[in-house]
């Protein structure tokens, strides 16, 4: 008589118990990884923006962080020439004022393009102006000049003092001037589990 080869019910139950115990430890840790990615992305953006603020003052140039909300990344631009109100002639000031009125109308109608985006930050001491389309080039000196969010993290939106409303898609810009002025912003992130970070 030949013996049948196979597993007994007891052996199968022991294997299932071991697999269940292992799964009980692994599955909760996998869920924590998405939260870790969200926290990591949030910290990376905060540290990068602080570094740009410091770098603008140290190198005496402006930096722009262009956030592409649809493609989940930001790119850093370096802007060598920042014009101040004191360096403009009277005719240039009149022309700038007229251009600014036209751009304000386009901004109100959401028709403002990147080439047209003059940003002005005014303090009691000076006014900094910057045209992103013509004054800036991609920063190649830094390893962090481009950053993409992890796959499970996305931009929920960015609210800047420049626009005053939440931008949920498209592009948004944060500018860091050598004078210490910068675009104030809140950046909202979320992950695939609907966890959020600001």
N, C-alpha and C. Protein backbone atom coordinates (compact mmCIF):
# COMPACT_ATOMS: atom_id res chain seq x y z
N UNK A 1 0.87 -1.16 0.00
CA UNK A 1 0.00 0.00 0.00
C UNK A 1 0.91 1.23 0.00
N UNK A 2 0.64 2.16 -0.90
CA UNK A 2 1.44 3.40 -0.96
C UNK A 2 0.79 4.48 -0.11
N UNK A 3 1.63 5.27 0.52
CA UNK A 3 1.13 6.35 1.38
C UNK A 3 0.86 7.58 0.52
N UNK A 4 -0.24 8.28 0.81
CA UNK A 4 -0.57 9.50 0.08
C UNK A 4 0.24 10.65 0.67
N UNK A 5 0.81 11.42 -0.24
CA UNK A 5 1.61 12.56 0.21
C UNK A 5 0.74 13.81 0.18
N UNK A 6 0.88 14.65 1.20
CA UNK A 6 0.10 15.88 1.27
C UNK A 6 0.26 16.50 2.65
N UNK A 7 -0.46 17.58 2.91
CA UNK A 7 -0.39 18.28 4.18
C UNK A 7 -1.60 17.93 5.02
N UNK A 8 -1.38 17.84 6.29
CA UNK A 8 -2.51 17.58 7.19
C UNK A 8 -3.22 18.90 7.47
N UNK A 9 -4.40 18.82 7.99
CA UNK A 9 -5.18 20.01 8.32
C UNK A 9 -4.44 20.86 9.36
N UNK A 10 -3.79 20.23 10.30
CA UNK A 10 -3.05 20.94 11.33
C UNK A 10 -1.89 21.74 10.72
N UNK A 11 -1.16 21.15 9.78
CA UNK A 11 -0.06 21.84 9.14
C UNK A 11 -0.55 23.07 8.35
N UNK A 12 -1.66 22.90 7.63
CA UNK A 12 -2.23 24.03 6.88
C UNK A 12 -2.66 25.16 7.82
N UNK A 13 -3.24 24.82 8.96
CA UNK A 13 -3.69 25.84 9.91
C UNK A 13 -2.50 26.58 10.51
N UNK A 14 -1.40 25.89 10.79
CA UNK A 14 -0.22 26.54 11.33
C UNK A 14 0.37 27.52 10.30
N UNK A 15 0.44 27.12 9.03
CA UNK A 15 0.96 27.98 7.97
C UNK A 15 0.07 29.23 7.83
N UNK A 16 -1.25 29.06 7.84
CA UNK A 16 -2.17 30.19 7.74
C UNK A 16 -2.03 31.13 8.94
N UNK A 17 -1.82 30.59 10.11
CA UNK A 17 -1.62 31.41 11.30
C UNK A 17 -0.35 32.25 11.18
N UNK A 18 0.72 31.63 10.68
CA UNK A 18 1.99 32.36 10.51
C UNK A 18 1.82 33.46 9.46
N UNK A 19 1.19 33.16 8.33
CA UNK A 19 0.97 34.17 7.29
C UNK A 19 0.09 35.31 7.79
N UNK A 20 -0.93 34.99 8.57
CA UNK A 20 -1.81 36.02 9.13
C UNK A 20 -1.07 36.94 10.08
N UNK A 21 -0.19 36.36 10.89
CA UNK A 21 0.60 37.17 11.82
C UNK A 21 1.55 38.11 11.07
N UNK A 22 2.20 37.61 10.06
CA UNK A 22 3.11 38.43 9.26
C UNK A 22 2.33 39.55 8.57
N UNK A 23 1.18 39.24 7.99
CA UNK A 23 0.35 40.25 7.33
C UNK A 23 -0.11 41.31 8.32
N UNK A 24 -0.38 40.91 9.54
CA UNK A 24 -0.80 41.86 10.58
C UNK A 24 0.26 42.88 10.90
N UNK A 25 1.51 42.53 10.74
CA UNK A 25 2.60 43.48 10.98
C UNK A 25 2.91 44.32 9.73
N UNK A 26 2.81 43.73 8.55
CA UNK A 26 3.21 44.42 7.33
C UNK A 26 2.17 45.41 6.83
N UNK A 27 0.90 45.06 6.80
CA UNK A 27 -0.14 45.92 6.22
C UNK A 27 -0.23 47.28 6.92
N UNK A 28 -0.26 47.37 8.25
CA UNK A 28 -0.30 48.71 8.86
C UNK A 28 0.94 49.55 8.53
N UNK A 29 2.09 48.90 8.40
CA UNK A 29 3.31 49.64 8.05
C UNK A 29 3.26 50.16 6.61
N UNK A 30 2.62 49.44 5.70
CA UNK A 30 2.48 49.91 4.33
C UNK A 30 1.60 51.16 4.29
N UNK A 31 0.57 51.21 5.12
CA UNK A 31 -0.30 52.38 5.16
C UNK A 31 0.46 53.59 5.70
N UNK A 32 1.39 53.37 6.62
CA UNK A 32 2.18 54.46 7.17
C UNK A 32 3.14 55.04 6.13
N UNK A 33 3.50 54.25 5.11
CA UNK A 33 4.43 54.73 4.08
C UNK A 33 3.85 55.89 3.29
N UNK A 34 2.52 55.87 3.01
CA UNK A 34 1.93 56.98 2.28
C UNK A 34 1.97 58.25 3.13
N UNK A 35 1.73 58.13 4.42
CA UNK A 35 1.82 59.29 5.31
C UNK A 35 3.27 59.78 5.40
N UNK A 36 4.21 58.83 5.41
CA UNK A 36 5.63 59.20 5.43
C UNK A 36 5.99 59.97 4.16
N UNK A 37 5.49 59.54 3.01
CA UNK A 37 5.76 60.25 1.75
C UNK A 37 5.21 61.66 1.79
N UNK A 38 4.02 61.83 2.36
CA UNK A 38 3.41 63.16 2.46
C UNK A 38 4.23 64.06 3.37
N UNK A 39 4.61 63.56 4.53
CA UNK A 39 5.43 64.35 5.45
C UNK A 39 6.80 64.67 4.84
N UNK A 40 7.38 63.71 4.17
CA UNK A 40 8.68 63.90 3.54
C UNK A 40 8.61 64.97 2.45
N UNK A 41 7.58 64.92 1.61
CA UNK A 41 7.41 65.91 0.54
C UNK A 41 7.18 67.30 1.14
N UNK A 42 6.38 67.37 2.18
CA UNK A 42 6.09 68.65 2.84
C UNK A 42 7.36 69.26 3.41
N UNK A 43 8.16 68.44 4.09
CA UNK A 43 9.42 68.93 4.65
C UNK A 43 10.40 69.35 3.55
N UNK A 44 10.45 68.58 2.47
CA UNK A 44 11.37 68.90 1.36
C UNK A 44 11.02 70.27 0.76
N UNK A 45 9.75 70.53 0.55
CA UNK A 45 9.33 71.81 -0.03
C UNK A 45 9.66 72.95 0.93
N UNK A 46 9.36 72.76 2.22
CA UNK A 46 9.63 73.82 3.21
C UNK A 46 11.13 74.14 3.28
N UNK A 47 11.95 73.11 3.31
CA UNK A 47 13.41 73.30 3.38
C UNK A 47 13.91 73.96 2.10
N UNK A 48 13.40 73.55 0.95
CA UNK A 48 13.82 74.13 -0.33
C UNK A 48 13.46 75.61 -0.41
N UNK A 49 12.27 75.97 0.06
CA UNK A 49 11.85 77.38 0.01
C UNK A 49 12.69 78.23 0.97
N UNK A 50 13.01 77.69 2.13
CA UNK A 50 13.88 78.41 3.07
C UNK A 50 15.27 78.59 2.47
N UNK A 51 15.77 77.57 1.79
CA UNK A 51 17.08 77.66 1.15
C UNK A 51 17.08 78.72 0.05
N UNK A 52 16.00 78.83 -0.72
CA UNK A 52 15.91 79.85 -1.77
C UNK A 52 15.90 81.25 -1.17
N UNK A 53 15.18 81.41 -0.06
CA UNK A 53 15.13 82.70 0.63
C UNK A 53 16.55 83.12 1.04
N UNK A 54 17.28 82.19 1.65
CA UNK A 54 18.65 82.47 2.10
C UNK A 54 19.59 82.71 0.92
N UNK A 55 19.45 81.89 -0.11
CA UNK A 55 20.33 81.98 -1.28
C UNK A 55 20.14 83.31 -2.02
N UNK A 56 18.90 83.80 -2.09
CA UNK A 56 18.64 85.08 -2.76
C UNK A 56 19.38 86.21 -2.06
N UNK A 57 19.38 86.20 -0.74
CA UNK A 57 20.07 87.26 0.01
C UNK A 57 21.59 87.12 -0.10
N UNK A 58 22.08 85.90 -0.02
CA UNK A 58 23.53 85.68 -0.06
C UNK A 58 24.11 85.99 -1.43
N UNK A 59 23.45 85.54 -2.50
CA UNK A 59 23.98 85.73 -3.86
C UNK A 59 23.53 87.04 -4.50
N UNK A 60 22.62 87.75 -3.82
CA UNK A 60 22.09 89.02 -4.31
C UNK A 60 21.44 88.90 -5.68
N UNK A 61 20.69 87.82 -5.88
CA UNK A 61 19.88 87.61 -7.09
C UNK A 61 18.51 87.10 -6.65
N UNK A 62 17.53 87.24 -7.52
CA UNK A 62 16.20 86.73 -7.21
C UNK A 62 16.09 85.28 -7.67
N UNK A 63 15.26 84.51 -6.97
CA UNK A 63 14.96 83.14 -7.36
C UNK A 63 13.45 82.99 -7.45
N UNK A 64 13.00 82.18 -8.40
CA UNK A 64 11.57 81.92 -8.58
C UNK A 64 11.37 80.41 -8.53
N UNK A 65 10.42 79.97 -7.71
CA UNK A 65 10.01 78.57 -7.70
C UNK A 65 8.71 78.49 -8.49
N UNK A 66 8.77 77.84 -9.63
CA UNK A 66 7.59 77.67 -10.48
C UNK A 66 6.95 76.32 -10.14
N UNK A 67 5.78 76.37 -9.57
CA UNK A 67 5.07 75.15 -9.19
C UNK A 67 4.14 74.74 -10.32
N UNK A 68 4.34 73.54 -10.85
CA UNK A 68 3.47 72.96 -11.87
C UNK A 68 2.55 71.98 -11.15
N UNK A 69 1.36 72.44 -10.79
CA UNK A 69 0.45 71.64 -9.97
C UNK A 69 -0.05 70.41 -10.71
N UNK A 70 -0.24 70.50 -12.02
CA UNK A 70 -0.76 69.37 -12.79
C UNK A 70 0.25 68.24 -12.91
N UNK A 71 1.54 68.60 -13.03
CA UNK A 71 2.59 67.58 -13.16
C UNK A 71 3.32 67.29 -11.86
N UNK A 72 2.81 67.84 -10.75
CA UNK A 72 3.30 67.55 -9.41
C UNK A 72 4.80 67.81 -9.22
N UNK A 73 5.26 69.01 -9.63
CA UNK A 73 6.68 69.32 -9.47
C UNK A 73 6.88 70.82 -9.35
N UNK A 74 8.09 71.21 -8.92
CA UNK A 74 8.47 72.61 -9.01
C UNK A 74 9.87 72.71 -9.61
N UNK A 75 10.10 73.85 -10.29
CA UNK A 75 11.37 74.13 -10.94
C UNK A 75 11.86 75.47 -10.43
N UNK A 76 13.15 75.57 -10.16
CA UNK A 76 13.72 76.81 -9.63
C UNK A 76 14.41 77.57 -10.76
N UNK A 77 14.11 78.88 -10.83
CA UNK A 77 14.73 79.78 -11.80
C UNK A 77 15.56 80.82 -11.06
N UNK A 78 16.66 81.19 -11.69
CA UNK A 78 17.56 82.22 -11.14
C UNK A 78 17.40 83.47 -12.01
N UNK A 79 17.24 84.61 -11.37
CA UNK A 79 16.97 85.85 -12.09
C UNK A 79 18.06 86.85 -11.76
N UNK A 80 18.96 87.06 -12.70
CA UNK A 80 20.13 87.90 -12.46
C UNK A 80 19.80 89.37 -12.25
N UNK A 81 18.93 89.92 -13.09
CA UNK A 81 18.71 91.36 -13.06
C UNK A 81 17.36 91.68 -12.44
N UNK A 82 17.39 92.35 -11.32
CA UNK A 82 16.17 92.81 -10.66
C UNK A 82 16.20 94.33 -10.69
N UNK A 83 15.18 94.91 -11.33
CA UNK A 83 15.13 96.36 -11.47
C UNK A 83 14.45 96.98 -10.26
N UNK A 84 14.96 98.09 -9.82
CA UNK A 84 14.32 98.82 -8.72
C UNK A 84 13.73 100.10 -9.28
N UNK A 85 12.75 100.66 -8.57
CA UNK A 85 12.07 101.88 -9.02
C UNK A 85 13.08 103.02 -9.20
N UNK A 86 14.13 103.03 -8.42
CA UNK A 86 15.12 104.11 -8.49
C UNK A 86 15.91 104.10 -9.80
N UNK A 87 16.03 102.95 -10.47
CA UNK A 87 16.84 102.85 -11.68
C UNK A 87 16.03 103.14 -12.95
N UNK A 88 14.72 103.33 -12.85
CA UNK A 88 13.88 103.59 -14.02
C UNK A 88 13.78 105.09 -14.29
N UNK A 89 13.76 105.44 -15.60
CA UNK A 89 13.54 106.83 -15.98
C UNK A 89 12.05 107.15 -15.85
N UNK A 90 11.67 108.42 -15.97
CA UNK A 90 10.26 108.81 -15.88
C UNK A 90 9.42 108.15 -16.97
N UNK A 91 9.94 108.10 -18.19
CA UNK A 91 9.21 107.46 -19.29
C UNK A 91 9.03 105.96 -19.03
N UNK A 92 10.09 105.32 -18.51
CA UNK A 92 9.99 103.89 -18.19
C UNK A 92 8.96 103.65 -17.09
N UNK A 93 8.90 104.55 -16.11
CA UNK A 93 7.92 104.42 -15.02
C UNK A 93 6.50 104.54 -15.56
N UNK A 94 6.25 105.52 -16.48
CA UNK A 94 4.92 105.68 -17.08
C UNK A 94 4.53 104.44 -17.87
N UNK A 95 5.49 103.94 -18.65
CA UNK A 95 5.23 102.74 -19.46
C UNK A 95 4.93 101.54 -18.55
N UNK A 96 5.69 101.39 -17.47
CA UNK A 96 5.47 100.30 -16.52
C UNK A 96 4.09 100.40 -15.88
N UNK A 97 3.67 101.63 -15.52
CA UNK A 97 2.36 101.83 -14.90
C UNK A 97 1.24 101.41 -15.86
N UNK A 98 1.36 101.78 -17.13
CA UNK A 98 0.35 101.41 -18.13
C UNK A 98 0.31 99.90 -18.33
N UNK A 99 1.50 99.28 -18.45
CA UNK A 99 1.58 97.83 -18.60
C UNK A 99 0.97 97.12 -17.38
N UNK A 100 1.22 97.69 -16.21
CA UNK A 100 0.69 97.08 -14.99
C UNK A 100 -0.83 97.13 -14.95
N UNK A 101 -1.42 98.23 -15.40
CA UNK A 101 -2.89 98.32 -15.44
C UNK A 101 -3.46 97.28 -16.39
N UNK A 102 -2.82 97.11 -17.55
CA UNK A 102 -3.28 96.10 -18.51
C UNK A 102 -3.14 94.69 -17.95
N UNK A 103 -2.04 94.42 -17.29
CA UNK A 103 -1.81 93.10 -16.71
C UNK A 103 -2.77 92.81 -15.58
N UNK A 104 -3.11 93.84 -14.82
CA UNK A 104 -4.08 93.67 -13.73
C UNK A 104 -5.43 93.25 -14.29
N UNK A 105 -5.82 93.84 -15.41
CA UNK A 105 -7.08 93.46 -16.07
C UNK A 105 -7.02 92.00 -16.51
N UNK A 106 -5.89 91.60 -17.13
CA UNK A 106 -5.74 90.21 -17.58
C UNK A 106 -5.72 89.25 -16.40
N UNK A 107 -5.11 89.67 -15.30
CA UNK A 107 -5.09 88.83 -14.10
C UNK A 107 -6.50 88.60 -13.57
N UNK A 108 -7.29 89.67 -13.54
CA UNK A 108 -8.68 89.56 -13.06
C UNK A 108 -9.49 88.61 -13.94
N UNK A 109 -9.14 88.55 -15.23
CA UNK A 109 -9.85 87.67 -16.17
C UNK A 109 -9.15 86.33 -16.35
N UNK A 110 -8.15 86.03 -15.52
CA UNK A 110 -7.35 84.81 -15.61
C UNK A 110 -6.73 84.62 -16.99
N UNK A 111 -6.26 85.71 -17.61
CA UNK A 111 -5.65 85.65 -18.93
C UNK A 111 -4.15 85.93 -18.88
N UNK A 112 -3.57 85.91 -17.69
CA UNK A 112 -2.16 86.25 -17.52
C UNK A 112 -1.30 85.06 -17.91
N UNK A 113 -0.30 85.29 -18.78
CA UNK A 113 0.59 84.21 -19.19
C UNK A 113 1.94 84.37 -18.50
N UNK A 114 2.75 83.32 -18.58
CA UNK A 114 4.07 83.34 -17.94
C UNK A 114 4.96 84.44 -18.50
N UNK A 115 4.90 84.68 -19.82
CA UNK A 115 5.74 85.70 -20.43
C UNK A 115 5.40 87.10 -19.93
N UNK A 116 4.15 87.30 -19.51
CA UNK A 116 3.63 88.59 -19.12
C UNK A 116 3.70 88.82 -17.63
N UNK A 117 4.22 87.87 -16.91
CA UNK A 117 4.08 87.91 -15.46
C UNK A 117 5.16 88.76 -14.81
N UNK A 118 4.87 90.05 -14.69
CA UNK A 118 5.73 90.95 -13.92
C UNK A 118 5.26 90.89 -12.48
N UNK A 119 6.13 90.68 -11.58
CA UNK A 119 5.75 90.64 -10.18
C UNK A 119 6.45 91.76 -9.44
N UNK A 120 5.71 92.46 -8.62
CA UNK A 120 6.26 93.59 -7.89
C UNK A 120 6.04 93.35 -6.41
N UNK A 121 7.09 93.48 -5.65
CA UNK A 121 7.00 93.38 -4.20
C UNK A 121 7.50 94.70 -3.65
N UNK A 122 6.69 95.36 -2.87
CA UNK A 122 7.05 96.69 -2.40
C UNK A 122 7.21 96.68 -0.88
N UNK A 123 8.31 97.25 -0.43
CA UNK A 123 8.52 97.46 0.99
C UNK A 123 8.64 98.96 1.20
N UNK A 124 8.81 99.39 2.42
CA UNK A 124 8.93 100.82 2.68
C UNK A 124 10.20 101.39 2.06
N UNK A 125 11.20 100.54 1.83
CA UNK A 125 12.48 101.02 1.33
C UNK A 125 12.59 101.00 -0.19
N UNK A 126 12.11 99.93 -0.82
CA UNK A 126 12.30 99.83 -2.26
C UNK A 126 11.25 98.92 -2.89
N UNK A 127 11.13 99.02 -4.20
CA UNK A 127 10.22 98.18 -4.96
C UNK A 127 11.07 97.31 -5.87
N UNK A 128 10.88 96.00 -5.82
CA UNK A 128 11.58 95.08 -6.71
C UNK A 128 10.62 94.64 -7.81
N UNK A 129 11.11 94.64 -9.06
CA UNK A 129 10.30 94.17 -10.16
C UNK A 129 11.05 93.07 -10.90
N UNK A 130 10.28 92.15 -11.44
CA UNK A 130 10.89 91.00 -12.07
C UNK A 130 9.97 90.49 -13.17
N UNK A 131 10.50 90.27 -14.36
CA UNK A 131 9.73 89.65 -15.43
C UNK A 131 10.26 88.23 -15.59
N UNK A 132 9.45 87.26 -15.20
CA UNK A 132 9.90 85.87 -15.20
C UNK A 132 10.24 85.40 -16.61
N UNK A 133 9.45 85.83 -17.59
CA UNK A 133 9.66 85.37 -18.96
C UNK A 133 10.99 85.80 -19.56
N UNK A 134 11.48 87.00 -19.21
CA UNK A 134 12.70 87.49 -19.86
C UNK A 134 13.90 87.60 -18.93
N UNK A 135 13.69 87.71 -17.63
CA UNK A 135 14.80 87.94 -16.70
C UNK A 135 15.36 86.66 -16.07
N UNK A 136 14.70 85.53 -16.23
CA UNK A 136 15.07 84.34 -15.47
C UNK A 136 15.44 83.15 -16.34
N UNK A 137 16.38 82.34 -15.83
CA UNK A 137 16.76 81.08 -16.47
C UNK A 137 16.75 79.99 -15.41
N UNK A 138 16.62 78.76 -15.86
CA UNK A 138 16.59 77.65 -14.91
C UNK A 138 17.89 77.61 -14.12
N UNK A 139 17.75 77.43 -12.80
CA UNK A 139 18.91 77.38 -11.91
C UNK A 139 19.62 76.04 -12.11
N UNK A 140 20.84 76.09 -12.60
CA UNK A 140 21.60 74.86 -12.83
C UNK A 140 22.67 74.63 -11.77
N UNK A 141 22.82 75.57 -10.84
CA UNK A 141 23.85 75.45 -9.81
C UNK A 141 23.43 74.50 -8.69
N UNK A 142 22.16 74.34 -8.50
CA UNK A 142 21.66 73.57 -7.36
C UNK A 142 21.20 72.18 -7.80
N UNK A 143 21.42 71.20 -6.92
CA UNK A 143 20.93 69.84 -7.17
C UNK A 143 19.41 69.77 -7.04
N UNK A 144 18.83 70.70 -6.28
CA UNK A 144 17.40 70.68 -6.04
C UNK A 144 16.65 71.67 -6.93
N UNK A 145 17.13 71.90 -8.15
CA UNK A 145 16.48 72.88 -9.01
C UNK A 145 15.16 72.35 -9.58
N UNK A 146 14.96 71.05 -9.55
CA UNK A 146 13.69 70.45 -9.95
C UNK A 146 13.33 69.38 -8.92
N UNK A 147 12.08 69.41 -8.48
CA UNK A 147 11.62 68.40 -7.51
C UNK A 147 10.24 67.92 -7.92
N UNK A 148 10.08 66.61 -8.00
CA UNK A 148 8.79 66.01 -8.29
C UNK A 148 8.26 65.32 -7.04
N UNK A 149 6.97 65.49 -6.80
CA UNK A 149 6.35 64.85 -5.64
C UNK A 149 6.32 63.33 -5.83
N UNK A 150 6.31 62.58 -4.73
CA UNK A 150 6.14 61.12 -4.84
C UNK A 150 4.82 60.79 -5.54
N UNK A 151 4.74 59.60 -6.12
CA UNK A 151 3.54 59.20 -6.88
C UNK A 151 2.25 59.31 -6.08
N UNK A 152 2.31 59.01 -4.78
CA UNK A 152 1.09 58.99 -3.97
C UNK A 152 0.78 60.33 -3.31
N UNK A 153 1.50 61.38 -3.67
CA UNK A 153 1.28 62.72 -3.11
C UNK A 153 1.00 63.70 -4.25
N UNK A 154 0.09 64.64 -4.03
CA UNK A 154 -0.20 65.65 -5.05
C UNK A 154 -0.47 67.00 -4.40
N UNK A 155 -0.41 68.03 -5.22
CA UNK A 155 -0.75 69.37 -4.75
C UNK A 155 -2.27 69.49 -4.67
N UNK A 156 -2.75 69.90 -3.53
CA UNK A 156 -4.18 70.20 -3.37
C UNK A 156 -4.42 71.64 -3.84
N UNK A 157 -3.41 72.49 -3.68
CA UNK A 157 -3.50 73.87 -4.14
C UNK A 157 -2.43 74.72 -3.49
N UNK A 158 -2.27 75.95 -4.01
CA UNK A 158 -1.34 76.93 -3.46
C UNK A 158 -2.08 78.26 -3.38
N UNK A 159 -1.99 78.87 -2.20
CA UNK A 159 -2.60 80.19 -2.02
C UNK A 159 -1.48 81.18 -1.77
N UNK A 160 -1.37 82.19 -2.64
CA UNK A 160 -0.33 83.20 -2.50
C UNK A 160 -0.96 84.55 -2.19
N UNK A 161 -0.17 85.43 -1.60
CA UNK A 161 -0.66 86.78 -1.35
C UNK A 161 -0.77 87.56 -2.66
N UNK A 162 -0.06 87.10 -3.71
CA UNK A 162 -0.12 87.76 -5.01
C UNK A 162 -1.50 87.59 -5.65
N UNK A 163 -2.01 86.37 -5.65
CA UNK A 163 -3.32 86.11 -6.27
C UNK A 163 -4.46 86.30 -5.26
N UNK A 164 -4.23 85.90 -4.03
CA UNK A 164 -5.27 86.03 -3.01
C UNK A 164 -6.28 84.90 -3.01
N UNK A 165 -6.23 84.02 -4.00
CA UNK A 165 -7.15 82.89 -4.05
C UNK A 165 -6.36 81.60 -4.23
N UNK A 166 -7.01 80.48 -3.97
CA UNK A 166 -6.36 79.18 -4.07
C UNK A 166 -6.22 78.76 -5.52
N UNK A 167 -4.99 78.45 -5.94
CA UNK A 167 -4.73 77.92 -7.28
C UNK A 167 -4.69 76.40 -7.14
N UNK A 168 -5.60 75.71 -7.82
CA UNK A 168 -5.69 74.25 -7.70
C UNK A 168 -5.12 73.51 -8.89
N UNK A 169 -4.89 74.21 -9.99
CA UNK A 169 -4.30 73.58 -11.17
C UNK A 169 -3.50 74.61 -11.95
N UNK A 170 -2.70 74.13 -12.88
CA UNK A 170 -1.87 75.05 -13.66
C UNK A 170 -0.56 75.35 -12.95
N UNK A 171 -0.13 76.61 -12.99
CA UNK A 171 1.15 76.99 -12.40
C UNK A 171 0.97 78.12 -11.39
N UNK A 172 1.87 78.14 -10.44
CA UNK A 172 1.92 79.22 -9.46
C UNK A 172 3.39 79.51 -9.20
N UNK A 173 3.69 80.76 -8.83
CA UNK A 173 5.07 81.20 -8.68
C UNK A 173 5.31 81.73 -7.28
N UNK A 174 6.44 81.36 -6.70
CA UNK A 174 6.92 81.95 -5.45
C UNK A 174 8.24 82.64 -5.77
N UNK A 175 8.34 83.91 -5.40
CA UNK A 175 9.52 84.70 -5.74
C UNK A 175 10.26 85.10 -4.48
N UNK A 176 11.58 84.99 -4.54
CA UNK A 176 12.45 85.33 -3.42
C UNK A 176 13.42 86.40 -3.91
N UNK A 177 13.26 87.63 -3.40
CA UNK A 177 14.08 88.75 -3.83
C UNK A 177 15.29 88.90 -2.91
N UNK A 178 16.39 89.47 -3.44
CA UNK A 178 17.59 89.68 -2.61
C UNK A 178 17.34 90.61 -1.43
N UNK A 179 16.34 91.46 -1.54
CA UNK A 179 16.05 92.43 -0.47
C UNK A 179 15.42 91.76 0.75
N UNK A 180 15.08 90.48 0.64
CA UNK A 180 14.42 89.79 1.75
C UNK A 180 12.92 89.68 1.54
N UNK A 181 12.40 90.37 0.53
CA UNK A 181 10.98 90.24 0.20
C UNK A 181 10.74 88.91 -0.48
N UNK A 182 9.55 88.37 -0.30
CA UNK A 182 9.20 87.10 -0.94
C UNK A 182 7.70 87.00 -1.07
N UNK A 183 7.27 86.09 -1.93
CA UNK A 183 5.85 85.81 -2.07
C UNK A 183 5.43 84.95 -0.88
N UNK A 184 4.48 85.43 -0.11
CA UNK A 184 3.97 84.63 1.00
C UNK A 184 2.97 83.64 0.44
N UNK A 185 3.06 82.39 0.88
CA UNK A 185 2.20 81.35 0.29
C UNK A 185 1.94 80.25 1.30
N UNK A 186 0.81 79.59 1.08
CA UNK A 186 0.49 78.34 1.77
C UNK A 186 0.38 77.27 0.70
N UNK A 187 1.11 76.18 0.87
CA UNK A 187 1.11 75.08 -0.10
C UNK A 187 0.40 73.90 0.55
N UNK A 188 -0.65 73.42 -0.11
CA UNK A 188 -1.46 72.34 0.44
C UNK A 188 -1.18 71.06 -0.35
N UNK A 189 -0.80 70.00 0.38
CA UNK A 189 -0.54 68.69 -0.22
C UNK A 189 -1.54 67.68 0.31
N UNK A 190 -1.78 66.63 -0.47
CA UNK A 190 -2.59 65.51 0.02
C UNK A 190 -2.04 64.22 -0.57
N UNK A 191 -2.36 63.10 0.09
CA UNK A 191 -1.92 61.82 -0.43
C UNK A 191 -3.13 61.00 -0.88
N UNK A 192 -2.87 59.78 -1.34
CA UNK A 192 -3.93 58.93 -1.87
C UNK A 192 -4.92 58.49 -0.79
N UNK A 193 -4.54 58.60 0.48
CA UNK A 193 -5.45 58.25 1.59
C UNK A 193 -6.19 59.47 2.12
N UNK A 194 -6.14 60.58 1.37
CA UNK A 194 -6.78 61.86 1.75
C UNK A 194 -6.20 62.47 3.01
N UNK A 195 -4.97 62.11 3.40
CA UNK A 195 -4.27 62.82 4.45
C UNK A 195 -3.79 64.14 3.85
N UNK A 196 -3.73 65.18 4.66
CA UNK A 196 -3.34 66.49 4.13
C UNK A 196 -2.19 67.07 4.95
N UNK A 197 -1.43 67.96 4.29
CA UNK A 197 -0.33 68.64 4.94
C UNK A 197 -0.23 70.04 4.34
N UNK A 198 0.18 71.01 5.16
CA UNK A 198 0.34 72.39 4.69
C UNK A 198 1.75 72.85 4.93
